[in-house]
């Protein structure tokens, strides 16, 4: 493994587990993911106040994903020479200002523009945060540490979004955006004042060009396909979870909130399980979780009329989803070399957002609200294919390691 471009010039000591720093980064993840999904929770309020349709409010989420896809990798390259701590802080500050600007939007077009600005900051934050967290951790603690950071995304689903929705219902939707902006700005200040610096060694032009000949790339590409398939399957099925519960499972609408809370709580348990397993059995754990996810989608497809089965399958689905992202992040960071780590960190954000953008559209084509079980069946197939690519990635990684040992 080449070390010409890696190696941090300045980084935190890793002899102790940096729990406070990781919790701070996890809170940043919670805030940014909450803001990403917030228009979905505030759709009636936004639609009425801005005078547009629900579909146009939905575009505020779609344009976010597309912006992240387009800007994450270029921003990662542009900021490569800067202290990762400062990049995170500036991204959070820009994110804060964009959300406050959204709160003062006089109309839909202004809100649309500020969402693009917030998404750019979000992409810059996500492209760097895992690389920075990796620099804070010893190899023995990598899986547990990344699980804590990524757990903020799961917490956003069951804590951040419901809490922001409650604020909006009590004080108005604009107050929710102001609150998120204020929290993000405070987090940025704390990152600058309390977090250790991390400045990666800069690379020459020739070294930057050699990134695309790095031996870790084939395995990283395989895991990238895994990420796209997981995100596509997840958002294809979850977008139509309410029609599934009401049409396919014949569950009354009043049950939906409780079932989705159970689903989210199971996701937090999945994060905890990943934190325990990621450092000892990352590869085996990822494969087991993917097969468990396939099983959940199959159960939702073939036993939709059995309420106990649906409840258990939703819990299993949430658990597996909570575990899969920390495990995949851990494997990516361990598979990447110092030259490809930034690319891996930004690439996973881009690929996951590709799945976020594609999933709902594919779900509409496969079955839509009229046939949600067709979507869960397709999701099962997609996850099974993802497991195959994960196996291929493991094989390519082992071959790379054997070649490196022989040299």
Protein backbone atom coordinates (compact mmCIF):
# COMPACT_ATOMS: atom_id res chain seq x y z
CA UNK A 1 0.00 0.00 0.00
CA UNK A 2 1.40 3.36 -1.01
CA UNK A 3 1.75 5.97 1.66
CA UNK A 4 2.84 8.84 -0.52
CA UNK A 5 -0.30 10.84 -0.07
CA UNK A 6 -1.56 9.75 3.29
CA UNK A 7 -0.75 10.18 6.54
CA UNK A 8 -2.08 13.09 8.40
CA UNK A 9 0.33 15.84 9.17
CA UNK A 10 -1.63 16.72 12.27
CA UNK A 11 -4.26 14.51 13.85
CA UNK A 12 -5.76 13.58 17.16
CA UNK A 13 -4.08 10.96 19.30
CA UNK A 14 -5.90 7.65 19.00
CA UNK A 15 -4.77 5.85 22.14
CA UNK A 16 -8.12 6.57 23.81
CA UNK A 17 -11.56 6.20 22.32
CA UNK A 18 -12.68 9.77 21.39
CA UNK A 19 -16.31 9.40 22.46
CA UNK A 20 -17.06 13.12 22.90
CA UNK A 21 -15.71 14.01 19.48
CA UNK A 22 -17.64 11.20 17.83
CA UNK A 23 -20.88 12.19 19.57
CA UNK A 24 -20.39 15.76 18.35
CA UNK A 25 -19.96 14.54 14.76
CA UNK A 26 -22.97 12.26 15.18
CA UNK A 27 -25.06 15.22 16.31
CA UNK A 28 -23.96 17.07 13.18
CA UNK A 29 -25.16 14.12 11.11
CA UNK A 30 -28.49 14.16 12.96
CA UNK A 31 -29.02 17.87 12.24
CA UNK A 32 -28.12 17.68 8.54
CA UNK A 33 -30.19 14.55 7.86
CA UNK A 34 -33.16 16.07 9.70
CA UNK A 35 -33.00 19.15 7.47
CA UNK A 36 -32.70 16.98 4.37
CA UNK A 37 -36.00 15.21 5.10
CA UNK A 38 -37.82 18.08 6.78
CA UNK A 39 -39.99 19.14 3.78
CA UNK A 40 -41.60 15.68 3.87
CA UNK A 41 -42.68 16.19 7.48
CA UNK A 42 -43.85 19.76 6.82
CA UNK A 43 -45.45 19.20 3.42
CA UNK A 44 -48.94 20.55 4.30
CA UNK A 45 -47.56 23.66 6.03
CA UNK A 46 -45.02 24.45 3.31
CA UNK A 47 -47.52 23.83 0.54
CA UNK A 48 -50.11 26.16 2.08
CA UNK A 49 -47.71 28.97 3.01
CA UNK A 50 -45.70 28.99 -0.21
CA UNK A 51 -48.78 28.49 -2.39
CA UNK A 52 -47.56 25.45 -4.32
CA UNK A 53 -48.58 21.80 -4.71
CA UNK A 54 -47.35 18.92 -2.59
CA UNK A 55 -45.43 17.62 -5.61
CA UNK A 56 -43.47 20.88 -5.78
CA UNK A 57 -42.62 20.57 -2.08
CA UNK A 58 -41.39 17.06 -2.84
CA UNK A 59 -38.99 18.59 -5.35
CA UNK A 60 -37.26 20.35 -2.45
CA UNK A 61 -36.05 16.88 -1.40
CA UNK A 62 -35.25 15.71 -4.93
CA UNK A 63 -33.17 18.79 -5.77
CA UNK A 64 -31.26 18.25 -2.51
CA UNK A 65 -30.21 14.74 -3.55
CA UNK A 66 -29.29 15.84 -7.08
CA UNK A 67 -27.21 18.74 -5.75
CA UNK A 68 -25.29 16.42 -3.43
CA UNK A 69 -24.64 14.07 -6.35
CA UNK A 70 -23.23 16.84 -8.54
CA UNK A 71 -21.17 18.79 -5.98
CA UNK A 72 -19.76 16.36 -3.38
CA UNK A 73 -16.72 15.05 -5.24
CA UNK A 74 -15.68 18.43 -6.74
CA UNK A 75 -15.95 20.04 -3.30
CA UNK A 76 -13.88 17.24 -1.77
CA UNK A 77 -11.12 17.85 -4.31
CA UNK A 78 -11.32 21.62 -3.87
CA UNK A 79 -10.97 21.43 -0.07
CA UNK A 80 -8.38 18.64 0.04
CA UNK A 81 -5.59 21.00 1.18
CA UNK A 82 -7.54 22.39 4.14
CA UNK A 83 -7.86 21.22 7.73
CA UNK A 84 -10.75 18.73 7.80
CA UNK A 85 -11.96 20.24 11.06
CA UNK A 86 -12.30 23.66 9.42
CA UNK A 87 -14.03 22.19 6.37
CA UNK A 88 -16.62 20.60 8.64
CA UNK A 89 -17.09 23.82 10.61
CA UNK A 90 -17.45 25.99 7.50
CA UNK A 91 -19.86 23.47 5.97
CA UNK A 92 -22.01 23.57 9.11
CA UNK A 93 -21.94 27.37 9.16
CA UNK A 94 -22.97 27.56 5.49
CA UNK A 95 -25.64 24.96 6.17
CA UNK A 96 -26.92 27.07 9.08
CA UNK A 97 -27.14 30.25 7.02
CA UNK A 98 -28.93 28.46 4.17
CA UNK A 99 -31.54 27.02 6.54
CA UNK A 100 -32.14 30.40 8.17
CA UNK A 101 -32.51 31.89 4.69
CA UNK A 102 -35.11 29.20 3.91
CA UNK A 103 -37.02 30.28 7.00
CA UNK A 104 -37.30 33.79 5.60
CA UNK A 105 -38.21 32.69 2.07
CA UNK A 106 -40.85 35.03 0.61
CA UNK A 107 -41.83 32.45 -1.99
CA UNK A 108 -41.21 29.00 -3.42
CA UNK A 109 -38.43 30.01 -5.83
CA UNK A 110 -36.38 31.54 -3.01
CA UNK A 111 -36.87 28.43 -0.87
CA UNK A 112 -35.83 26.24 -3.80
CA UNK A 113 -32.59 28.23 -4.18
CA UNK A 114 -31.74 28.12 -0.48
CA UNK A 115 -32.33 24.36 -0.43
CA UNK A 116 -29.70 24.02 -3.15
CA UNK A 117 -27.24 26.03 -1.04
CA UNK A 118 -27.99 23.92 2.03
CA UNK A 119 -27.51 20.73 -0.01
CA UNK A 120 -24.09 21.90 -1.20
CA UNK A 121 -23.02 22.42 2.41
CA UNK A 122 -24.58 19.07 3.37
CA UNK A 123 -22.60 17.27 0.66
CA UNK A 124 -19.35 18.92 1.75
CA UNK A 125 -20.01 17.93 5.37
CA UNK A 126 -20.85 14.31 4.56
CA UNK A 127 -17.95 13.88 2.15
CA UNK A 128 -15.48 14.83 4.91
CA UNK A 129 -17.04 13.71 8.18
CA UNK A 130 -16.27 9.98 7.83
CA UNK A 131 -12.69 10.64 6.73
CA UNK A 132 -12.21 12.94 9.71
CA UNK A 133 -13.79 10.44 12.10
CA UNK A 134 -11.49 7.73 10.72
CA UNK A 135 -8.47 9.94 11.47
CA UNK A 136 -9.59 10.22 15.12
CA UNK A 137 -9.81 6.45 15.58
CA UNK A 138 -7.32 3.65 16.02
CA UNK A 139 -7.84 0.71 13.62
CA UNK A 140 -9.15 -1.42 16.48
CA UNK A 141 -11.93 1.10 17.18
CA UNK A 142 -12.85 2.04 13.61
CA UNK A 143 -16.12 0.10 13.34
CA UNK A 144 -17.44 1.18 16.72
CA UNK A 145 -16.52 4.81 16.10
CA UNK A 146 -18.08 5.03 12.65
CA UNK A 147 -21.23 3.35 13.95
CA UNK A 148 -21.60 6.14 16.51
CA UNK A 149 -21.20 8.83 13.83
CA UNK A 150 -23.58 7.22 11.32
CA UNK A 151 -26.05 6.54 14.12
CA UNK A 152 -26.93 10.22 13.95
CA UNK A 153 -28.70 9.55 10.66
CA UNK A 154 -30.88 6.90 12.26
CA UNK A 155 -31.57 9.17 15.23
CA UNK A 156 -32.71 11.86 12.79
CA UNK A 157 -35.52 9.58 11.65
CA UNK A 158 -36.95 8.80 15.08
CA UNK A 159 -35.92 11.92 17.03
CA UNK A 160 -34.89 14.80 14.78
CA UNK A 161 -37.66 14.78 12.21
CA UNK A 162 -40.55 14.20 14.68
CA UNK A 163 -39.18 16.90 17.01
CA UNK A 164 -38.77 19.40 14.16
CA UNK A 165 -42.30 18.59 13.01
CA UNK A 166 -43.63 19.28 16.51
CA UNK A 167 -41.82 22.63 16.56
CA UNK A 168 -43.35 23.47 13.19
CA UNK A 169 -46.83 22.56 14.34
CA UNK A 170 -46.49 24.69 17.46
CA UNK A 171 -44.50 27.68 16.20
CA UNK A 172 -44.70 27.43 12.43
CA UNK A 173 -42.50 25.77 9.81
CA UNK A 174 -40.14 28.75 9.65
CA UNK A 175 -39.24 28.29 13.33
CA UNK A 176 -38.15 24.71 12.61
CA UNK A 177 -35.67 25.86 9.96
CA UNK A 178 -34.36 28.68 12.19
CA UNK A 179 -33.86 26.18 15.02
CA UNK A 180 -31.90 23.77 12.83
CA UNK A 181 -29.79 26.63 11.53
CA UNK A 182 -28.98 27.87 15.04
CA UNK A 183 -27.99 24.39 16.19
CA UNK A 184 -25.79 23.85 13.12
CA UNK A 185 -24.04 27.20 13.68
CA UNK A 186 -23.37 26.33 17.33
CA UNK A 187 -22.01 22.93 16.30
CA UNK A 188 -19.66 24.55 13.82
CA UNK A 189 -18.26 26.81 16.52
CA UNK A 190 -17.76 23.88 18.91
CA UNK A 191 -15.98 21.89 16.19
CA UNK A 192 -13.47 24.72 15.68
CA UNK A 193 -12.90 25.27 19.40
CA UNK A 194 -12.93 21.72 20.74
CA UNK A 195 -12.00 19.30 17.96
CA UNK A 196 -8.41 18.44 17.00
CA UNK A 197 -7.05 19.54 13.61
CA UNK A 198 -6.48 17.09 10.80
CA UNK A 199 -4.57 18.15 7.71
CA UNK A 200 -3.90 15.40 5.19
CA UNK A 201 -0.65 15.50 3.27
CA UNK A 202 -1.01 17.17 -0.09
CA UNK A 203 -0.27 15.22 -3.25
CA UNK A 204 1.59 16.14 -6.38
CA UNK A 205 -0.19 16.19 -9.73
CA UNK A 206 1.30 12.80 -10.58
CA UNK A 207 0.14 11.31 -7.30
CA UNK A 208 -3.37 12.68 -7.81
CA UNK A 209 -3.45 11.09 -11.24
CA UNK A 210 -2.32 7.76 -9.79
CA UNK A 211 -5.44 7.65 -7.60
CA UNK A 212 -7.26 6.20 -10.59
CA UNK A 213 -4.67 3.41 -10.82
CA UNK A 214 -4.80 2.63 -7.12
CA UNK A 215 -5.18 -1.11 -6.41
CA UNK A 216 -8.05 -0.49 -4.00
CA UNK A 217 -10.35 0.94 -6.71
CA UNK A 218 -11.85 -2.34 -8.02
CA UNK A 219 -12.99 -3.34 -4.53
CA UNK A 220 -14.24 0.18 -3.81
CA UNK A 221 -16.21 0.14 -7.06
CA UNK A 222 -17.88 -3.14 -6.04
CA UNK A 223 -18.85 -1.70 -2.67
CA UNK A 224 -20.10 1.43 -4.41
CA UNK A 225 -22.53 -0.70 -6.40
CA UNK A 226 -23.61 -2.29 -3.11
CA UNK A 227 -24.38 1.19 -1.76
CA UNK A 228 -26.45 2.17 -4.81
CA UNK A 229 -28.47 -1.04 -4.68
CA UNK A 230 -29.14 -0.73 -0.95
CA UNK A 231 -30.24 2.90 -1.21
CA UNK A 232 -32.41 2.22 -4.26
CA UNK A 233 -34.12 -0.75 -2.61
CA UNK A 234 -34.64 1.15 0.62
CA UNK A 235 -36.15 4.29 -0.86
CA UNK A 236 -38.21 2.42 -3.43
CA UNK A 237 -39.99 0.51 -0.66
CA UNK A 238 -39.96 3.10 2.13
CA UNK A 239 -41.42 5.81 -0.11
CA UNK A 240 -44.53 3.63 -0.40
CA UNK A 241 -44.62 2.37 3.19
CA UNK A 242 -47.94 4.07 3.95
CA UNK A 243 -49.70 2.53 0.90
CA UNK A 244 -48.13 -0.80 1.86
CA UNK A 245 -49.51 -0.65 5.38
CA UNK A 246 -52.97 0.52 4.29
CA UNK A 247 -53.43 -1.26 0.95
CA UNK A 248 -51.35 -4.44 1.11
CA UNK A 249 -51.46 -5.08 4.86
CA UNK A 250 -54.93 -3.56 5.49
CA UNK A 251 -53.65 -1.79 8.60
CA UNK A 252 -55.61 1.24 9.79
CA UNK A 253 -53.92 4.60 9.27
CA UNK A 254 -53.84 5.25 13.01
CA UNK A 255 -51.34 2.42 13.44
CA UNK A 256 -48.86 3.85 10.97
CA UNK A 257 -47.07 6.28 13.31
CA UNK A 258 -46.57 3.61 15.99
CA UNK A 259 -45.27 1.04 13.50
CA UNK A 260 -42.86 3.53 11.97
CA UNK A 261 -41.58 4.41 15.44
CA UNK A 262 -40.95 0.71 16.10
CA UNK A 263 -39.16 0.52 12.75
CA UNK A 264 -36.94 3.48 13.68
CA UNK A 265 -36.21 2.19 17.18
CA UNK A 266 -35.14 -1.14 15.70
CA UNK A 267 -32.78 0.85 13.48
CA UNK A 268 -31.02 2.25 16.55
CA UNK A 269 -30.60 -1.29 17.85
CA UNK A 270 -29.07 -2.16 14.49
CA UNK A 271 -26.53 0.65 14.89
CA UNK A 272 -25.59 -0.73 18.32
CA UNK A 273 -25.19 -4.23 16.88
CA UNK A 274 -22.98 -2.87 14.09
CA UNK A 275 -20.83 -1.05 16.63
CA UNK A 276 -20.25 -4.35 18.44
CA UNK A 277 -19.59 -6.45 15.33
CA UNK A 278 -17.87 -4.07 12.89
CA UNK A 279 -14.39 -4.24 14.40
CA UNK A 280 -14.32 -8.03 14.76
CA UNK A 281 -16.45 -9.41 11.93
CA UNK A 282 -17.09 -6.60 9.41
CA UNK A 283 -17.32 -8.75 6.27
CA UNK A 284 -19.37 -11.57 7.72
CA UNK A 285 -21.63 -9.12 9.53
CA UNK A 286 -22.37 -7.19 6.33
CA UNK A 287 -23.32 -10.35 4.47
CA UNK A 288 -25.54 -11.56 7.33
CA UNK A 289 -27.27 -8.17 7.53
CA UNK A 290 -27.91 -8.14 3.77
CA UNK A 291 -29.46 -11.62 3.90
CA UNK A 292 -31.57 -10.57 6.88
CA UNK A 293 -32.74 -7.56 4.86
CA UNK A 294 -33.68 -9.82 1.95
CA UNK A 295 -35.65 -12.00 4.36
CA UNK A 296 -37.55 -8.98 5.69
CA UNK A 297 -38.54 -7.82 2.19
CA UNK A 298 -39.61 -11.35 1.23
CA UNK A 299 -41.76 -11.61 4.36
CA UNK A 300 -43.39 -8.25 3.64
CA UNK A 301 -44.13 -9.46 0.12
CA UNK A 302 -45.57 -12.92 0.74
CA UNK A 303 -47.21 -12.41 4.16
CA UNK A 304 -48.66 -8.92 3.90
CA UNK A 305 -52.02 -10.09 5.31
CA UNK A 306 -50.46 -11.40 8.52
CA UNK A 307 -50.23 -8.55 11.02
CA UNK A 308 -47.73 -10.29 13.35
CA UNK A 309 -45.48 -11.11 10.39
CA UNK A 310 -45.65 -7.54 9.07
CA UNK A 311 -44.75 -6.09 12.49
CA UNK A 312 -41.80 -8.46 12.91
CA UNK A 313 -40.65 -7.86 9.32
CA UNK A 314 -40.74 -4.08 9.84
CA UNK A 315 -38.61 -4.47 12.97
CA UNK A 316 -36.15 -6.71 11.13
CA UNK A 317 -36.06 -4.27 8.21
CA UNK A 318 -35.30 -1.34 10.53
CA UNK A 319 -32.68 -3.31 12.45
CA UNK A 320 -30.88 -4.41 9.28
CA UNK A 321 -30.95 -0.94 7.77
CA UNK A 322 -29.53 0.58 10.95
CA UNK A 323 -26.65 -1.91 10.88
CA UNK A 324 -25.83 -1.94 7.17
CA UNK A 325 -24.56 1.61 6.69
CA UNK A 326 -22.02 1.59 9.59
CA UNK A 327 -20.75 -1.79 8.42
CA UNK A 328 -20.40 -0.62 4.83
CA UNK A 329 -18.66 2.60 5.91
CA UNK A 330 -16.20 0.63 8.03
CA UNK A 331 -15.37 -1.71 5.15
CA UNK A 332 -14.93 1.22 2.76
CA UNK A 333 -12.52 3.04 5.06
CA UNK A 334 -10.51 -0.13 5.67
CA UNK A 335 -10.44 -1.06 1.98
CA UNK A 336 -9.37 2.40 0.79
CA UNK A 337 -5.74 3.43 0.73
CA UNK A 338 -4.59 6.85 1.91
CA UNK A 339 -4.75 8.03 -1.71
CA UNK A 340 -8.36 6.89 -2.21
CA UNK A 341 -9.85 7.64 1.21
CA UNK A 342 -11.22 11.07 0.29
CA UNK A 343 -12.64 9.65 -2.94
CA UNK A 344 -14.27 6.80 -1.01
CA UNK A 345 -15.75 9.20 1.53
CA UNK A 346 -17.25 11.48 -1.12
CA UNK A 347 -18.15 8.66 -3.49
CA UNK A 348 -20.34 6.82 -1.01
CA UNK A 349 -22.32 10.03 -0.43
CA UNK A 350 -22.83 10.49 -4.17
CA UNK A 351 -23.80 6.88 -4.78
CA UNK A 352 -26.17 6.72 -1.84
CA UNK A 353 -27.90 9.87 -3.06
CA UNK A 354 -28.19 8.33 -6.52
CA UNK A 355 -30.18 5.57 -4.86
CA UNK A 356 -32.26 8.12 -2.95
CA UNK A 357 -33.09 9.88 -6.22
CA UNK A 358 -33.73 6.70 -8.22
CA UNK A 359 -35.58 4.63 -5.61
CA UNK A 360 -38.93 6.46 -5.52
CA UNK A 361 -39.07 6.65 -9.33
CA UNK A 362 -38.33 2.94 -9.67
CA UNK A 363 -40.92 2.18 -7.00
CA UNK A 364 -43.53 4.11 -8.97
CA UNK A 365 -42.74 2.15 -12.12
CA UNK A 366 -42.63 -1.27 -10.44
CA UNK A 367 -45.88 -1.01 -8.49
CA UNK A 368 -46.54 2.39 -7.00
CA UNK A 369 -49.27 2.90 -4.44
CA UNK A 370 -51.51 0.35 -6.17
CA UNK A 371 -49.12 -2.62 -5.74
CA UNK A 372 -46.61 -1.99 -2.94
CA UNK A 373 -45.76 -5.68 -2.58
CA UNK A 374 -44.32 -5.61 -6.10
CA UNK A 375 -41.88 -2.99 -4.82
CA UNK A 376 -40.85 -5.00 -1.75
CA UNK A 377 -40.28 -7.99 -4.01
CA UNK A 378 -38.04 -5.91 -6.28
CA UNK A 379 -36.20 -4.60 -3.22
CA UNK A 380 -35.49 -8.16 -2.09
CA UNK A 381 -33.95 -8.95 -5.48
CA UNK A 382 -31.86 -5.75 -5.41
CA UNK A 383 -30.46 -6.54 -1.95
CA UNK A 384 -29.65 -10.11 -3.02
CA UNK A 385 -27.68 -8.72 -5.95
CA UNK A 386 -25.97 -6.31 -3.54
CA UNK A 387 -24.84 -9.29 -1.45
CA UNK A 388 -23.26 -10.76 -4.58
CA UNK A 389 -21.34 -7.56 -5.25
CA UNK A 390 -20.25 -7.46 -1.59
CA UNK A 391 -18.75 -10.92 -2.02
CA UNK A 392 -16.99 -9.72 -5.18
CA UNK A 393 -15.63 -6.71 -3.27
CA UNK A 394 -14.27 -8.94 -0.52
CA UNK A 395 -12.55 -11.12 -3.12
CA UNK A 396 -11.01 -8.12 -4.88
CA UNK A 397 -9.82 -6.73 -1.56
CA UNK A 398 -8.15 -10.02 -0.60
CA UNK A 399 -6.45 -10.21 -4.01
CA UNK A 400 -5.13 -6.68 -3.55
CA UNK A 401 -3.77 -7.62 -0.11
CA UNK A 402 -2.06 -10.76 -1.47
CA UNK A 403 -0.36 -8.76 -4.22
CA UNK A 404 0.78 -6.14 -1.72
CA UNK A 405 2.22 -8.85 0.56
CA UNK A 406 4.09 -10.45 -2.33
CA UNK A 407 5.84 -7.20 -3.27
